[in-house]
Protein backbone atom coordinates (compact mmCIF):
# COMPACT_ATOMS: atom_id res chain seq x y z
CA MET A 1 -44.67 24.91 -81.92
CA TYR A 2 -46.21 28.31 -80.99
CA ILE A 3 -47.52 29.84 -83.95
CA PRO A 4 -48.62 33.53 -83.00
CA VAL A 5 -51.90 34.74 -84.24
CA SER A 6 -52.48 38.17 -85.07
CA PRO A 7 -55.27 40.24 -83.47
CA SER A 8 -57.41 40.32 -86.62
CA ARG A 9 -57.63 36.82 -86.72
CA ARG A 10 -58.45 36.30 -83.12
CA PRO A 11 -62.23 35.89 -83.35
CA HIS A 12 -62.14 33.56 -86.18
CA ALA A 13 -59.83 31.18 -84.52
CA LEU A 14 -62.26 31.68 -81.45
CA LEU A 15 -65.29 30.78 -83.47
CA ALA A 16 -63.68 27.78 -84.79
CA LEU A 17 -62.55 26.27 -81.75
CA LEU A 18 -66.07 26.68 -80.06
CA SER A 19 -67.30 25.21 -83.19
CA GLY A 20 -65.18 22.16 -82.46
CA ILE A 21 -66.31 21.67 -78.83
CA VAL A 22 -70.05 21.81 -79.97
CA LEU A 23 -69.41 18.93 -82.81
CA ILE A 24 -67.48 17.19 -80.14
CA LEU A 25 -69.99 17.53 -77.68
CA TYR A 26 -73.05 16.50 -80.05
CA LEU A 27 -70.89 13.30 -81.23
CA HIS A 28 -70.48 12.23 -77.56
CA ASN A 29 -74.48 12.76 -76.98
CA THR A 30 -75.56 10.98 -80.33
CA HIS A 31 -73.15 7.91 -80.25
CA GLN A 32 -72.42 7.31 -77.13
CA PRO A 33 -72.54 3.70 -75.84
CA ARG A 34 -75.64 1.73 -74.45
CA PRO A 35 -76.01 1.42 -70.62
CA SER A 36 -74.96 -1.49 -68.85
CA PHE A 37 -78.56 -2.29 -68.56
CA ILE A 38 -81.61 -1.98 -71.56
CA PRO A 39 -84.62 -0.66 -69.80
CA ASN A 40 -87.48 -1.89 -71.63
CA PRO A 41 -89.80 0.89 -72.59
CA PHE A 42 -92.72 -1.44 -71.67
CA TRP A 43 -93.76 -2.89 -68.89
CA GLY A 44 -94.30 -6.59 -68.82
CA SER A 45 -91.17 -8.72 -69.62
CA PRO A 46 -87.49 -8.31 -68.00
CA SER A 47 -84.96 -6.65 -69.76
CA THR A 48 -81.22 -7.98 -69.95
CA SER A 49 -78.15 -6.46 -67.84
CA THR A 50 -74.65 -7.57 -68.50
CA SER A 51 -74.73 -8.79 -64.81
CA GLY A 52 -76.91 -11.72 -65.67
CA LYS A 53 -79.14 -10.82 -62.27
CA GLY A 54 -81.91 -9.65 -64.37
CA GLY A 55 -83.30 -5.82 -65.18
CA ILE A 56 -85.63 -3.46 -64.98
CA VAL A 57 -88.83 -3.09 -66.54
CA GLY A 58 -90.94 0.10 -67.99
CA LEU A 59 -88.53 2.73 -67.04
CA GLU A 60 -87.26 5.61 -69.39
CA GLU A 61 -83.49 5.61 -70.14
CA ASP A 62 -82.52 8.30 -68.20
CA ASP A 63 -83.85 6.93 -65.12
CA TYR A 64 -81.71 5.20 -63.02
CA ARG A 65 -83.31 5.45 -59.48
CA VAL A 66 -85.19 2.07 -59.42
CA ARG A 67 -81.46 0.42 -60.79
CA ASP A 68 -79.83 2.25 -57.56
CA ARG A 69 -82.03 0.70 -55.36
CA ILE A 70 -81.92 -2.61 -56.55
CA GLU A 71 -78.12 -2.14 -56.10
CA ARG A 72 -78.48 -0.72 -52.93
CA MET A 73 -80.56 -4.01 -51.92
CA ARG A 74 -78.12 -6.40 -53.34
CA GLY A 75 -75.26 -4.74 -51.74
CA TYR A 76 -76.97 -5.87 -48.53
CA CYS A 77 -77.04 -9.46 -49.46
CA GLU A 78 -73.23 -9.43 -50.51
CA ILE A 79 -71.85 -8.33 -47.37
CA ASP A 80 -71.72 -10.11 -44.47
CA GLY A 81 -75.25 -9.96 -42.53
CA GLU A 82 -74.98 -8.04 -39.09
CA LEU A 83 -78.02 -10.12 -38.16
CA GLU A 84 -75.96 -13.35 -39.03
CA LYS A 85 -73.02 -12.52 -36.78
CA GLU A 86 -75.52 -11.44 -33.84
CA TYR A 87 -77.71 -14.17 -33.63
CA GLY A 88 -76.55 -17.37 -35.68
CA ARG A 89 -78.12 -18.87 -39.12
CA THR A 90 -79.35 -21.69 -37.32
CA ASN A 91 -81.45 -19.21 -34.54
CA LEU A 92 -82.96 -17.35 -37.38
CA ARG A 93 -84.03 -20.40 -39.22
CA LEU A 94 -85.73 -21.30 -35.62
CA SER A 95 -87.55 -18.44 -35.50
CA ARG A 96 -88.91 -18.84 -38.73
CA ALA A 97 -92.43 -21.04 -37.95
CA TYR A 98 -93.49 -20.60 -41.07
CA GLU A 99 -92.31 -18.87 -44.03
CA GLY A 100 -94.78 -19.42 -47.01
CA SER A 101 -94.44 -18.61 -50.81
CA HIS A 102 -93.16 -14.85 -50.09
CA HIS A 103 -95.48 -13.57 -52.81
CA ARG A 104 -96.89 -10.87 -50.87
CA PHE A 105 -93.83 -9.50 -49.32
CA THR A 106 -92.18 -9.50 -52.68
CA ARG A 107 -94.81 -7.76 -53.85
CA PHE A 108 -94.12 -5.28 -50.61
CA LEU A 109 -90.62 -5.26 -52.16
CA HIS A 110 -91.59 -4.23 -55.47
CA LYS A 111 -93.51 -1.14 -54.36
CA ALA A 112 -89.98 0.00 -52.26
CA LEU A 113 -88.19 -0.41 -55.45
CA ARG A 114 -90.06 1.35 -57.46
CA GLY A 115 -90.36 4.01 -54.87
CA GLU A 116 -93.88 4.29 -53.60
CA PRO A 117 -94.42 5.57 -50.33
CA LEU A 118 -95.23 2.20 -47.90
CA VAL A 119 -97.21 2.23 -44.76
CA ILE A 120 -96.81 -0.51 -42.19
CA SER A 121 -98.86 -1.33 -39.52
CA VAL A 122 -99.09 -3.44 -36.37
CA ILE A 123 -101.81 -4.63 -34.12
CA GLY A 124 -101.25 -6.41 -30.73
CA GLY A 125 -101.56 -6.25 -27.27
CA SER A 126 -99.88 -4.69 -24.40
CA ILE A 127 -96.01 -5.80 -25.70
CA THR A 128 -96.77 -4.07 -28.81
CA LYS A 129 -98.16 -1.00 -26.94
CA GLY A 130 -94.78 -0.92 -25.45
CA HIS A 131 -95.63 -1.88 -21.50
CA HIS A 132 -92.83 -1.15 -19.13
CA VAL A 133 -90.82 0.18 -22.61
CA GLU A 134 -89.91 3.30 -24.34
CA LYS A 135 -91.82 4.11 -27.62
CA ASP A 136 -88.66 4.30 -29.37
CA GLU A 137 -87.86 0.66 -27.84
CA ILE A 138 -90.47 -1.19 -28.92
CA TRP A 139 -90.08 -4.10 -31.53
CA PHE A 140 -92.32 -2.69 -34.21
CA HIS A 141 -90.12 0.72 -34.16
CA ARG A 142 -87.18 -0.81 -34.23
CA PHE A 143 -88.21 -2.75 -37.25
CA TRP A 144 -89.17 0.58 -38.73
CA GLN A 145 -86.17 1.53 -38.31
CA TRP A 146 -84.17 -1.03 -40.10
CA LEU A 147 -86.72 -1.15 -43.10
CA ASP A 148 -86.59 2.91 -43.14
CA ASP A 149 -82.79 2.50 -43.77
CA TYR A 150 -82.84 -0.78 -45.90
CA VAL A 151 -84.90 0.89 -48.83
CA GLY A 152 -83.29 4.06 -48.79
CA GLU A 153 -83.92 7.84 -47.74
CA ASP A 154 -86.11 8.31 -50.88
CA VAL A 155 -88.87 6.01 -50.06
CA GLN A 156 -90.99 6.97 -47.39
CA VAL A 157 -91.82 4.52 -44.60
CA THR A 158 -95.04 5.16 -42.31
CA GLU A 159 -95.28 3.51 -39.35
CA VAL A 160 -98.99 2.78 -37.78
CA ASN A 161 -98.81 1.29 -34.27
CA GLY A 162 -102.48 0.30 -33.67
CA ALA A 163 -101.93 -1.97 -30.66
CA ALA A 164 -104.55 -2.33 -27.67
CA PRO A 165 -103.50 -3.84 -24.23
CA ALA A 166 -105.72 -6.41 -23.07
CA THR A 167 -107.17 -7.83 -26.57
CA GLY A 168 -107.00 -10.58 -28.32
CA SER A 169 -107.74 -11.97 -32.18
CA ASP A 170 -111.55 -12.19 -31.34
CA TYR A 171 -111.49 -8.20 -30.64
CA PHE A 172 -109.20 -7.44 -33.65
CA SER A 173 -111.14 -9.85 -36.20
CA PHE A 174 -113.88 -7.41 -36.05
CA CYS A 175 -112.35 -4.07 -34.63
CA PHE A 176 -109.07 -4.00 -37.12
CA PRO A 177 -110.25 -1.43 -39.02
CA LEU A 178 -110.65 0.86 -36.17
CA HIS A 179 -106.84 0.77 -35.56
CA ILE A 180 -105.00 0.52 -38.75
CA PRO A 181 -105.26 2.52 -42.27
CA ALA A 182 -107.20 0.88 -45.05
CA ASN A 183 -104.11 1.67 -47.42
CA SER A 184 -101.44 -0.72 -45.20
CA ASP A 185 -99.21 -2.23 -47.33
CA LEU A 186 -97.80 -4.72 -44.52
CA VAL A 187 -99.66 -5.75 -41.39
CA LEU A 188 -97.74 -7.51 -38.31
CA VAL A 189 -100.11 -9.63 -36.01
CA GLU A 190 -98.65 -9.68 -32.53
CA LEU A 191 -101.56 -11.73 -30.77
CA ALA A 192 -100.32 -14.92 -29.73
CA VAL A 193 -99.54 -14.11 -25.89
CA ASN A 194 -103.02 -12.38 -25.51
CA ASP A 195 -104.85 -15.41 -26.98
CA GLU A 196 -105.33 -18.69 -25.15
CA GLY A 197 -104.86 -22.19 -26.70
CA ILE A 198 -108.84 -22.56 -27.30
CA LEU A 199 -110.35 -23.52 -30.62
CA GLN A 200 -112.16 -20.06 -30.87
CA HIS A 201 -109.04 -18.69 -31.43
CA VAL A 202 -108.80 -20.55 -34.87
CA GLU A 203 -111.96 -18.87 -36.02
CA ASN A 204 -111.00 -15.49 -34.67
CA MET A 205 -107.62 -15.49 -36.31
CA GLU A 206 -109.19 -16.79 -39.75
CA ASN A 207 -111.64 -14.06 -39.60
CA LEU A 208 -108.86 -11.24 -38.81
CA LEU A 209 -106.61 -12.87 -41.63
CA ARG A 210 -109.70 -12.82 -44.05
CA GLY A 211 -110.11 -9.13 -43.09
CA LEU A 212 -106.30 -8.01 -43.62
CA LEU A 213 -105.50 -9.95 -46.89
CA GLU A 214 -108.68 -8.33 -48.55
CA MET A 215 -107.78 -5.04 -47.42
CA PRO A 216 -107.77 -2.72 -50.62
CA ASN A 217 -103.76 -2.42 -51.23
CA ARG A 218 -103.97 -6.48 -50.64
CA PRO A 219 -101.31 -6.06 -47.64
CA ALA A 220 -98.30 -8.47 -46.60
CA VAL A 221 -98.99 -10.05 -43.58
CA MET A 222 -97.22 -11.73 -41.03
CA LEU A 223 -97.85 -13.25 -37.43
CA VAL A 224 -95.20 -12.67 -34.85
CA GLU A 225 -95.18 -14.28 -31.66
CA ALA A 226 -93.32 -12.71 -28.44
CA MET A 227 -91.79 -14.96 -26.00
CA ALA A 228 -93.57 -14.90 -22.75
CA PHE A 229 -94.30 -17.49 -19.89
CA SER A 230 -96.95 -16.09 -18.01
CA SER A 231 -99.23 -17.88 -20.24
CA GLY A 232 -99.99 -21.11 -21.92
CA GLY A 233 -97.62 -24.17 -21.76
CA MET A 234 -93.75 -23.85 -22.78
CA GLY A 235 -94.97 -24.44 -26.19
CA GLY A 236 -96.99 -21.06 -25.82
CA GLY A 237 -100.72 -19.61 -25.79
CA GLY A 238 -102.74 -19.07 -28.75
CA GLY A 239 -100.03 -19.24 -31.34
CA ARG A 240 -100.80 -23.26 -31.38
CA MET A 241 -104.08 -22.14 -32.98
CA HIS A 242 -102.76 -19.26 -35.05
CA LEU A 243 -100.01 -21.56 -36.95
CA PRO A 244 -102.32 -23.68 -38.91
CA VAL A 245 -104.52 -20.71 -39.95
CA ALA A 246 -101.26 -18.83 -41.00
CA GLN A 247 -99.96 -21.91 -43.13
CA TYR A 248 -103.48 -22.32 -44.71
CA TYR A 249 -103.48 -18.31 -45.67
CA ASP A 250 -99.89 -18.68 -46.80
CA VAL A 251 -99.11 -15.76 -44.06
CA PRO A 252 -95.38 -16.29 -42.75
CA VAL A 253 -94.95 -16.77 -38.69
CA ILE A 254 -91.84 -15.40 -36.58
CA ASN A 255 -91.90 -17.09 -33.57
CA GLN A 256 -89.13 -15.66 -31.36
CA ARG A 257 -90.06 -18.54 -28.67
CA HIS A 258 -88.64 -21.02 -30.65
CA PRO A 259 -84.91 -20.32 -30.56
CA LEU A 260 -85.25 -19.30 -26.91
CA ALA A 261 -87.51 -21.09 -24.64
CA ASN A 262 -85.60 -24.34 -23.93
CA HIS A 263 -82.33 -22.47 -24.14
CA PHE A 264 -83.74 -19.93 -21.47
CA ALA A 265 -85.37 -23.48 -19.46
CA ARG A 266 -81.95 -24.74 -19.11
CA TYR A 267 -80.31 -21.20 -18.05
CA PRO A 268 -83.35 -19.73 -15.79
CA GLN A 269 -80.87 -16.67 -15.22
CA LEU A 270 -81.30 -15.44 -18.15
CA VAL A 271 -85.06 -14.54 -17.56
CA ARG A 272 -84.21 -11.26 -15.55
CA PRO A 273 -81.90 -9.48 -17.99
CA TYR A 274 -84.36 -10.23 -20.46
CA PHE A 275 -88.02 -9.33 -19.11
CA THR A 276 -89.18 -6.18 -17.29
CA VAL A 277 -90.01 -5.75 -13.38
CA ASP A 278 -93.46 -5.80 -11.97
CA GLY A 279 -94.35 -3.70 -8.97
CA TRP A 280 -92.57 -5.86 -6.52
CA GLY A 281 -89.34 -5.93 -8.38
CA ASN A 282 -89.99 -9.48 -9.68
CA PRO A 283 -89.29 -10.35 -13.51
CA ASP A 284 -92.51 -9.56 -15.76
CA THR A 285 -92.42 -12.88 -17.57
CA ARG A 286 -95.25 -11.42 -19.67
CA HIS A 287 -93.73 -8.36 -20.94
CA PHE A 288 -89.77 -8.41 -22.01
CA ASN A 289 -87.26 -5.42 -21.89
CA GLY A 290 -86.05 -3.57 -24.40
CA ARG A 291 -83.33 -6.13 -25.56
CA GLY A 292 -86.22 -8.61 -26.10
CA HIS A 293 -88.02 -6.00 -28.51
CA ARG A 294 -84.68 -5.43 -30.57
CA ASP A 295 -84.60 -8.97 -31.08
CA LEU A 296 -88.16 -9.75 -32.05
CA GLY A 297 -87.49 -6.57 -34.17
CA MET A 298 -84.47 -8.01 -36.09
CA LEU A 299 -85.73 -11.51 -36.20
CA ILE A 300 -88.55 -9.85 -38.65
CA ALA A 301 -86.05 -7.81 -40.38
CA SER A 302 -83.83 -11.16 -41.04
CA PHE A 303 -86.76 -12.48 -42.75
CA VAL A 304 -87.72 -9.75 -44.88
CA LYS A 305 -83.68 -9.36 -45.99
CA ASP A 306 -83.77 -12.72 -46.84
CA VAL A 307 -86.92 -12.44 -49.29
CA ALA A 308 -85.16 -9.65 -50.73
CA CYS A 309 -81.97 -11.34 -51.40
CA GLU A 310 -83.51 -14.40 -52.82
CA MET A 311 -86.28 -12.33 -55.10
CA LEU A 312 -83.04 -10.35 -56.27
CA SER A 313 -80.86 -13.26 -57.35
CA GLU A 314 -83.82 -14.82 -59.58
CA GLN A 315 -82.19 -15.22 -63.60
CA ASP A 316 -85.15 -13.21 -64.60
CA PHE A 317 -85.85 -10.66 -61.93
CA ALA A 318 -87.57 -7.26 -62.88
CA VAL A 319 -89.47 -4.98 -61.27
CA PRO A 320 -93.11 -5.18 -62.23
CA PRO A 321 -95.22 -1.73 -63.04
CA PRO A 322 -97.04 -0.08 -60.48
CA ASP A 323 -101.01 -1.28 -60.12
CA THR A 324 -100.06 -4.55 -61.26
CA THR A 325 -103.46 -6.85 -59.70
CA ASP A 326 -103.44 -10.48 -59.79
CA ASP A 327 -106.31 -10.88 -62.15
CA VAL A 328 -105.21 -14.33 -63.10
CA SER A 329 -108.75 -15.45 -64.05
CA PRO A 330 -108.24 -15.33 -67.95
CA LEU A 331 -105.63 -17.58 -67.51
CA LEU A 332 -106.57 -19.90 -64.75
CA SER A 333 -109.85 -20.14 -66.33
CA THR A 334 -108.35 -21.73 -69.99
CA ILE A 335 -106.31 -23.99 -67.71
CA ALA A 336 -109.06 -25.17 -65.97
CA GLN A 337 -111.93 -25.57 -68.68
CA THR A 338 -112.76 -28.61 -69.82
CA THR A 339 -112.51 -29.04 -74.00
CA SER A 340 -115.20 -31.82 -74.29
CA ASP A 341 -117.02 -29.63 -76.76
CA GLN A 342 -117.35 -31.41 -79.90
CA ASN A 343 -116.89 -28.52 -81.94
CA GLN A 344 -113.09 -27.85 -80.84
CA THR A 345 -110.52 -29.28 -83.37
CA PRO A 346 -107.29 -31.21 -82.66
CA GLU A 347 -105.81 -28.19 -84.53
CA ASP A 348 -107.72 -25.59 -82.05
CA ALA A 349 -106.39 -27.83 -79.20
CA GLN A 350 -103.03 -27.97 -80.22
CA LEU A 351 -102.69 -24.05 -81.00
CA GLN A 352 -104.08 -23.46 -77.29
CA ASP A 353 -101.91 -26.04 -75.69
CA GLU A 354 -98.99 -23.88 -77.49
CA ARG A 355 -100.20 -20.96 -76.44
CA LEU A 356 -100.50 -22.29 -72.62
CA ALA A 357 -97.11 -23.97 -73.03
CA GLU A 358 -95.57 -20.69 -73.83
CA GLN A 359 -97.05 -18.67 -70.94
CA GLN A 360 -95.97 -21.51 -68.41
CA ILE A 361 -92.17 -21.87 -69.42
CA SER A 362 -91.04 -20.27 -66.78
CA TRP A 363 -93.46 -22.54 -64.40
CA PRO A 364 -92.45 -25.76 -62.36
CA GLU A 365 -92.97 -28.79 -64.53
CA HIS A 366 -95.92 -30.42 -61.75
CA SER A 367 -97.42 -26.77 -62.33
CA ARG A 368 -98.40 -26.77 -66.03
CA SER A 369 -101.34 -27.91 -67.71
CA TRP A 370 -101.77 -30.90 -69.64
CA ARG A 371 -104.04 -32.54 -72.08
CA ASP A 372 -105.74 -35.67 -71.00
CA ASN A 373 -106.40 -38.72 -73.18
CA PRO A 374 -109.77 -38.02 -75.26
CA ARG A 375 -112.70 -40.33 -74.28
CA GLU A 376 -114.46 -42.35 -77.08
CA ASP A 377 -117.04 -39.67 -77.61
CA GLN A 378 -114.33 -36.68 -77.92
CA HIS A 379 -112.29 -35.53 -80.51
CA VAL A 380 -109.62 -33.67 -78.05
CA GLY A 381 -109.04 -34.83 -74.14
CA GLU A 382 -109.83 -32.53 -71.44
CA LEU A 383 -107.38 -29.60 -70.44
CA MET A 384 -105.89 -30.36 -66.79
CA PRO A 385 -104.54 -27.80 -64.62
CA GLY A 386 -100.96 -28.53 -63.41
CA MET A 387 -100.78 -31.16 -60.02
CA TRP A 388 -99.31 -28.21 -58.15
CA SER A 389 -99.83 -24.71 -57.62
CA THR A 390 -99.08 -22.00 -60.06
CA PRO A 391 -97.24 -19.44 -59.49
CA LEU A 392 -100.30 -17.02 -60.47
CA GLU A 393 -102.23 -18.30 -57.26
CA TYR A 394 -99.76 -17.61 -54.46
CA GLY A 395 -101.12 -14.92 -52.46
CA LEU A 396 -105.09 -15.74 -53.67
CA MET A 397 -107.85 -16.02 -51.24
CA PRO A 398 -108.74 -19.75 -50.44
CA ARG A 399 -112.29 -20.05 -51.43
CA MET A 400 -113.47 -22.34 -48.40
CA ARG A 401 -112.67 -21.90 -44.61
CA ILE A 402 -110.01 -24.00 -42.61
CA LEU A 403 -112.79 -25.75 -40.56
CA ASN A 404 -115.12 -26.14 -43.59
CA GLY A 405 -115.64 -29.98 -44.93
CA TRP A 406 -114.27 -30.86 -48.62
CA ASN A 407 -116.78 -28.98 -51.04
CA PRO A 408 -115.77 -30.08 -54.67
CA ASP A 409 -118.28 -27.04 -56.33
CA PRO A 410 -115.80 -24.31 -57.56
CA ASN A 411 -118.58 -22.12 -57.19
CA PHE A 412 -119.01 -22.42 -53.54
CA ILE A 413 -116.66 -19.47 -52.13
CA VAL A 414 -116.67 -17.90 -48.78
CA PRO A 415 -117.57 -14.22 -48.97
CA PRO A 416 -115.36 -11.39 -47.91
CA PHE A 417 -115.39 -10.80 -44.20
CA HIS A 418 -116.21 -6.98 -43.76
CA PRO A 419 -116.97 -6.38 -39.89
CA THR A 420 -118.46 -3.59 -38.18
CA CYS A 421 -116.89 -2.61 -34.45
CA LEU A 422 -118.46 -0.04 -32.73
CA SER A 423 -115.72 1.07 -29.71
CA THR A 424 -114.73 2.88 -26.71
CA ARG A 425 -111.39 2.68 -28.54
CA ALA A 426 -112.25 4.34 -31.54
CA LYS A 427 -110.21 7.01 -32.79
CA GLU A 428 -113.21 8.07 -35.54
CA PRO A 429 -116.38 9.60 -34.59
CA GLN A 430 -118.17 6.93 -36.59
CA PHE A 431 -116.85 4.25 -34.56
CA ASN A 432 -117.52 5.66 -31.48
CA LEU A 433 -120.01 3.38 -29.09
CA THR A 434 -122.78 5.51 -28.41
CA PRO A 435 -125.72 4.02 -26.30
CA SER A 436 -129.34 4.87 -27.38
CA ALA A 437 -130.42 4.60 -23.81
CA ASN A 438 -128.14 4.77 -20.47
CA VAL A 439 -129.12 4.03 -16.96
CA GLY A 440 -126.33 3.73 -14.82
CA TRP A 441 -123.59 3.40 -17.26
CA GLU A 442 -120.49 5.75 -17.38
CA HIS A 443 -117.75 6.11 -19.69
CA TRP A 444 -114.67 5.63 -17.58
CA VAL A 445 -110.98 5.20 -18.34
CA HIS A 446 -108.23 3.63 -16.05
CA PRO A 447 -106.24 6.57 -14.18
CA GLU A 448 -103.15 4.25 -14.60
CA HIS A 449 -103.87 2.91 -18.18
CA LEU A 450 -105.11 5.82 -20.01
CA ASP A 451 -105.15 3.77 -23.22
CA LYS A 452 -107.93 1.18 -21.51
CA PRO A 453 -111.14 3.15 -21.74
CA TYR A 454 -114.70 1.06 -20.93
CA MET A 455 -118.11 1.76 -20.81
CA VAL A 456 -118.60 0.68 -17.22
CA ALA A 457 -121.71 -0.13 -14.71
CA ARG A 458 -121.29 -0.92 -11.01
CA THR A 459 -124.83 -1.18 -9.68
CA PRO A 460 -127.35 -4.21 -10.20
CA GLY A 461 -130.12 -2.94 -12.38
CA ALA A 462 -128.23 -0.54 -14.74
CA THR A 463 -128.96 -0.66 -18.44
CA ILE A 464 -127.75 0.28 -21.68
CA SER A 465 -128.98 -0.11 -25.10
CA PHE A 466 -127.76 0.27 -28.82
CA GLU A 467 -128.94 0.73 -31.82
CA MET A 468 -127.16 -1.55 -34.38
CA GLU A 469 -127.71 -2.52 -38.00
CA THR A 470 -126.24 -5.63 -39.08
CA ASN A 471 -126.00 -7.43 -42.63
CA VAL A 472 -124.90 -10.39 -41.38
CA GLY A 473 -127.27 -11.52 -38.48
CA VAL A 474 -124.40 -11.80 -36.04
CA VAL A 475 -124.05 -9.36 -32.95
CA LYS A 476 -121.10 -9.81 -29.99
CA MET A 477 -120.09 -7.69 -27.31
CA TYR A 478 -116.31 -7.38 -26.32
CA SER A 479 -115.86 -7.24 -22.96
CA LEU A 480 -112.99 -7.36 -20.14
CA LYS A 481 -112.24 -10.65 -17.83
CA SER A 482 -110.58 -10.85 -14.66
CA LYS A 483 -110.15 -12.82 -11.26
CA THR A 484 -109.40 -9.91 -9.32
CA PHE A 485 -111.22 -6.84 -10.45
CA GLY A 486 -114.42 -8.03 -8.85
CA LEU A 487 -116.19 -7.99 -11.83
CA GLY A 488 -120.28 -9.48 -12.16
CA THR A 489 -122.60 -10.42 -14.70
CA ILE A 490 -124.95 -8.90 -17.41
CA GLU A 491 -127.81 -10.27 -19.27
CA CYS A 492 -128.32 -9.21 -22.88
CA TRP A 493 -131.36 -9.40 -25.46
CA VAL A 494 -132.64 -7.95 -28.78
CA ASP A 495 -135.68 -6.28 -29.85
CA GLY A 496 -137.00 -7.14 -26.90
CA GLU A 497 -136.77 -10.61 -26.98
CA LYS A 498 -135.56 -11.00 -23.35
CA ASP A 499 -136.81 -14.67 -23.29
CA ARG A 500 -133.69 -15.44 -25.93
CA SER A 501 -131.22 -13.22 -23.59
CA VAL A 502 -127.73 -14.59 -23.15
CA LYS A 503 -125.60 -13.90 -19.73
CA ILE A 504 -122.07 -12.63 -20.23
CA VAL A 505 -119.99 -13.27 -16.84
CA GLY A 506 -117.06 -10.66 -16.34
CA TRP A 507 -115.19 -12.89 -13.33
CA TRP A 508 -113.31 -15.94 -14.55
CA ASP A 509 -110.94 -18.09 -12.93
CA LYS A 510 -107.81 -17.43 -14.96
CA GLY A 511 -105.09 -16.01 -12.40
CA ASP A 512 -103.77 -12.76 -13.03
CA ILE A 513 -105.03 -12.37 -16.52
CA ASN A 514 -106.98 -9.74 -17.06
CA ILE A 515 -107.92 -9.12 -20.76
CA GLY A 516 -110.94 -8.74 -22.97
CA ARG A 517 -112.83 -11.40 -24.65
CA PHE A 518 -116.42 -11.34 -26.80
CA ASP A 519 -119.35 -13.01 -26.22
CA SER A 520 -122.09 -13.63 -28.96
CA ILE A 521 -125.66 -12.45 -28.11
CA ARG A 522 -127.20 -13.25 -31.33
CA ASP A 523 -126.27 -14.88 -34.53
CA ASN A 524 -129.61 -15.62 -36.51
CA LEU A 525 -130.84 -11.96 -36.94
CA PRO A 526 -132.18 -11.01 -40.17
CA PRO A 527 -130.39 -8.03 -41.74
CA GLY A 528 -131.50 -4.62 -40.57
CA GLN A 529 -132.02 -2.33 -37.65
CA HIS A 530 -132.00 -3.90 -33.90
CA THR A 531 -131.65 -2.90 -30.51
CA VAL A 532 -129.45 -4.69 -28.17
CA THR A 533 -130.22 -4.42 -24.46
CA CYS A 534 -127.87 -5.24 -21.51
CA GLU A 535 -128.59 -5.24 -17.66
CA VAL A 536 -126.37 -5.88 -14.78
CA LEU A 537 -127.39 -8.70 -12.66
CA GLU A 538 -127.69 -9.18 -8.78
CA GLU A 539 -126.19 -12.34 -9.46
CA THR A 540 -122.17 -12.39 -9.86
CA SER A 541 -119.79 -15.15 -10.39
CA ASP A 542 -117.22 -13.06 -8.36
CA PRO A 543 -116.23 -14.62 -4.85
CA ASP A 544 -116.45 -11.34 -3.25
CA GLY A 545 -119.97 -10.47 -4.69
CA GLY A 546 -118.60 -7.72 -7.25
CA HIS A 547 -121.13 -6.46 -9.98
CA GLU A 548 -118.68 -4.15 -11.97
CA PHE A 549 -118.68 -4.66 -15.75
CA ARG A 550 -116.79 -2.96 -17.80
CA LEU A 551 -117.79 -2.92 -21.55
CA ILE A 552 -115.25 -2.52 -24.60
CA SER A 553 -117.36 -2.47 -27.96
CA MET A 554 -120.27 -4.28 -29.90
CA MET A 555 -119.51 -6.14 -32.83
CA ARG A 556 -122.14 -6.71 -36.05
């Protein structure tokens, strides 16, 4: 029923109406239901969610961006995967030569879920540099495109391609800081094609991995093997040396060769549509084309996606706070300590065991600490670590090198590997290879390959010297090796000790492989400043009498 309101009462009615609206809004804001997830106001323990899939830690209740990123990633997990449709789950599994613990990759994904900017880098040879393909076809760029879309537009992902043609793990083990930024969060390494299957590359890859894993952001690292048929056997080249090193250091390995090599051997007609062509129109079986690049990038994408889906499916999943370190020393030292101290009472030991049991409740049974039976002279038995690795240890650096013999002393720890490289390929002035004396050498760039600069000499008697300071007593040279370029031999010595000189030969009998390799000049120098001098010799191993020598880097 309509009740007319007189003009004199309209202001009072309007005031009452506005008051009612304000009251309704107040009650709505103060008594609205809690959201479906309850963010924990403190970083540390997972919150709950009505979905039972875990929660979000350390967020203000009005901050839903992390939740939105989680749900975005979960959405990718719940739909039928395009990559599985393209390649098949079995082929994707075949490409995973080693998966590892996933620990550093989950840390990488945590950063993405928190919305932190990410830096992904790659080092590799001519394949990763993009030989015979466009820049936007390179496998690393393809993977970056996928990742940039996967984490969402509000997460900045920067790509850095640090590849250098004709280089291997020996070069990058010393010179990787010249090519990728120190703040990298993910580093992909594609060097299996450029490395030969020789024992030296076990040490080279180990030095490289130790250097990468100890970078400031403790990045996730992955080895990537592209398919090629130009070097090594059907089982590949340097990848055979890299795999055990990667397994020892808990570094995943994606190998494109595994699902494809035998298949191509059965159907050789597939080579031409998968690889680029050389100057004579023949398939270049060292460098695949854009299709091969995309495939390699998507094999990596599939692995990252599966790591994310497994992580998100965990019942107690929670996004940890930023700047969380892997400082596990307090708990690990407590677990590893012996309790033979006669002053520790059984009551103290019981309290200690109870605290540890609470901390380890989610650990696998065989990773939990346990109490040994006491000896006759003990009140309590020794506290023993679990027989299997604990979740706290994943991603930590091994204390011994892979080829070291067993050393039971836990205080024996291999020191960090922090190499220095002076190179013709340096992008920053402090890393430039600048001689202190020079007679007959010049800086030269191949006219058809502008990304291959060298210090070059072509006549016997040409000398060059470098002032180098070393803390580890090692000086190495990286130079080009080739059968067809007419390369000669040089002699190098340190601090005038020519009687202790070494010869470095540029020519080798390895077919059409033209690539850099390093040689040791001295490995027992006292720390400090030293002068390294090299001279082109009259003698040469080149059948045509060539003397040219192409120097790339000096390492210390």
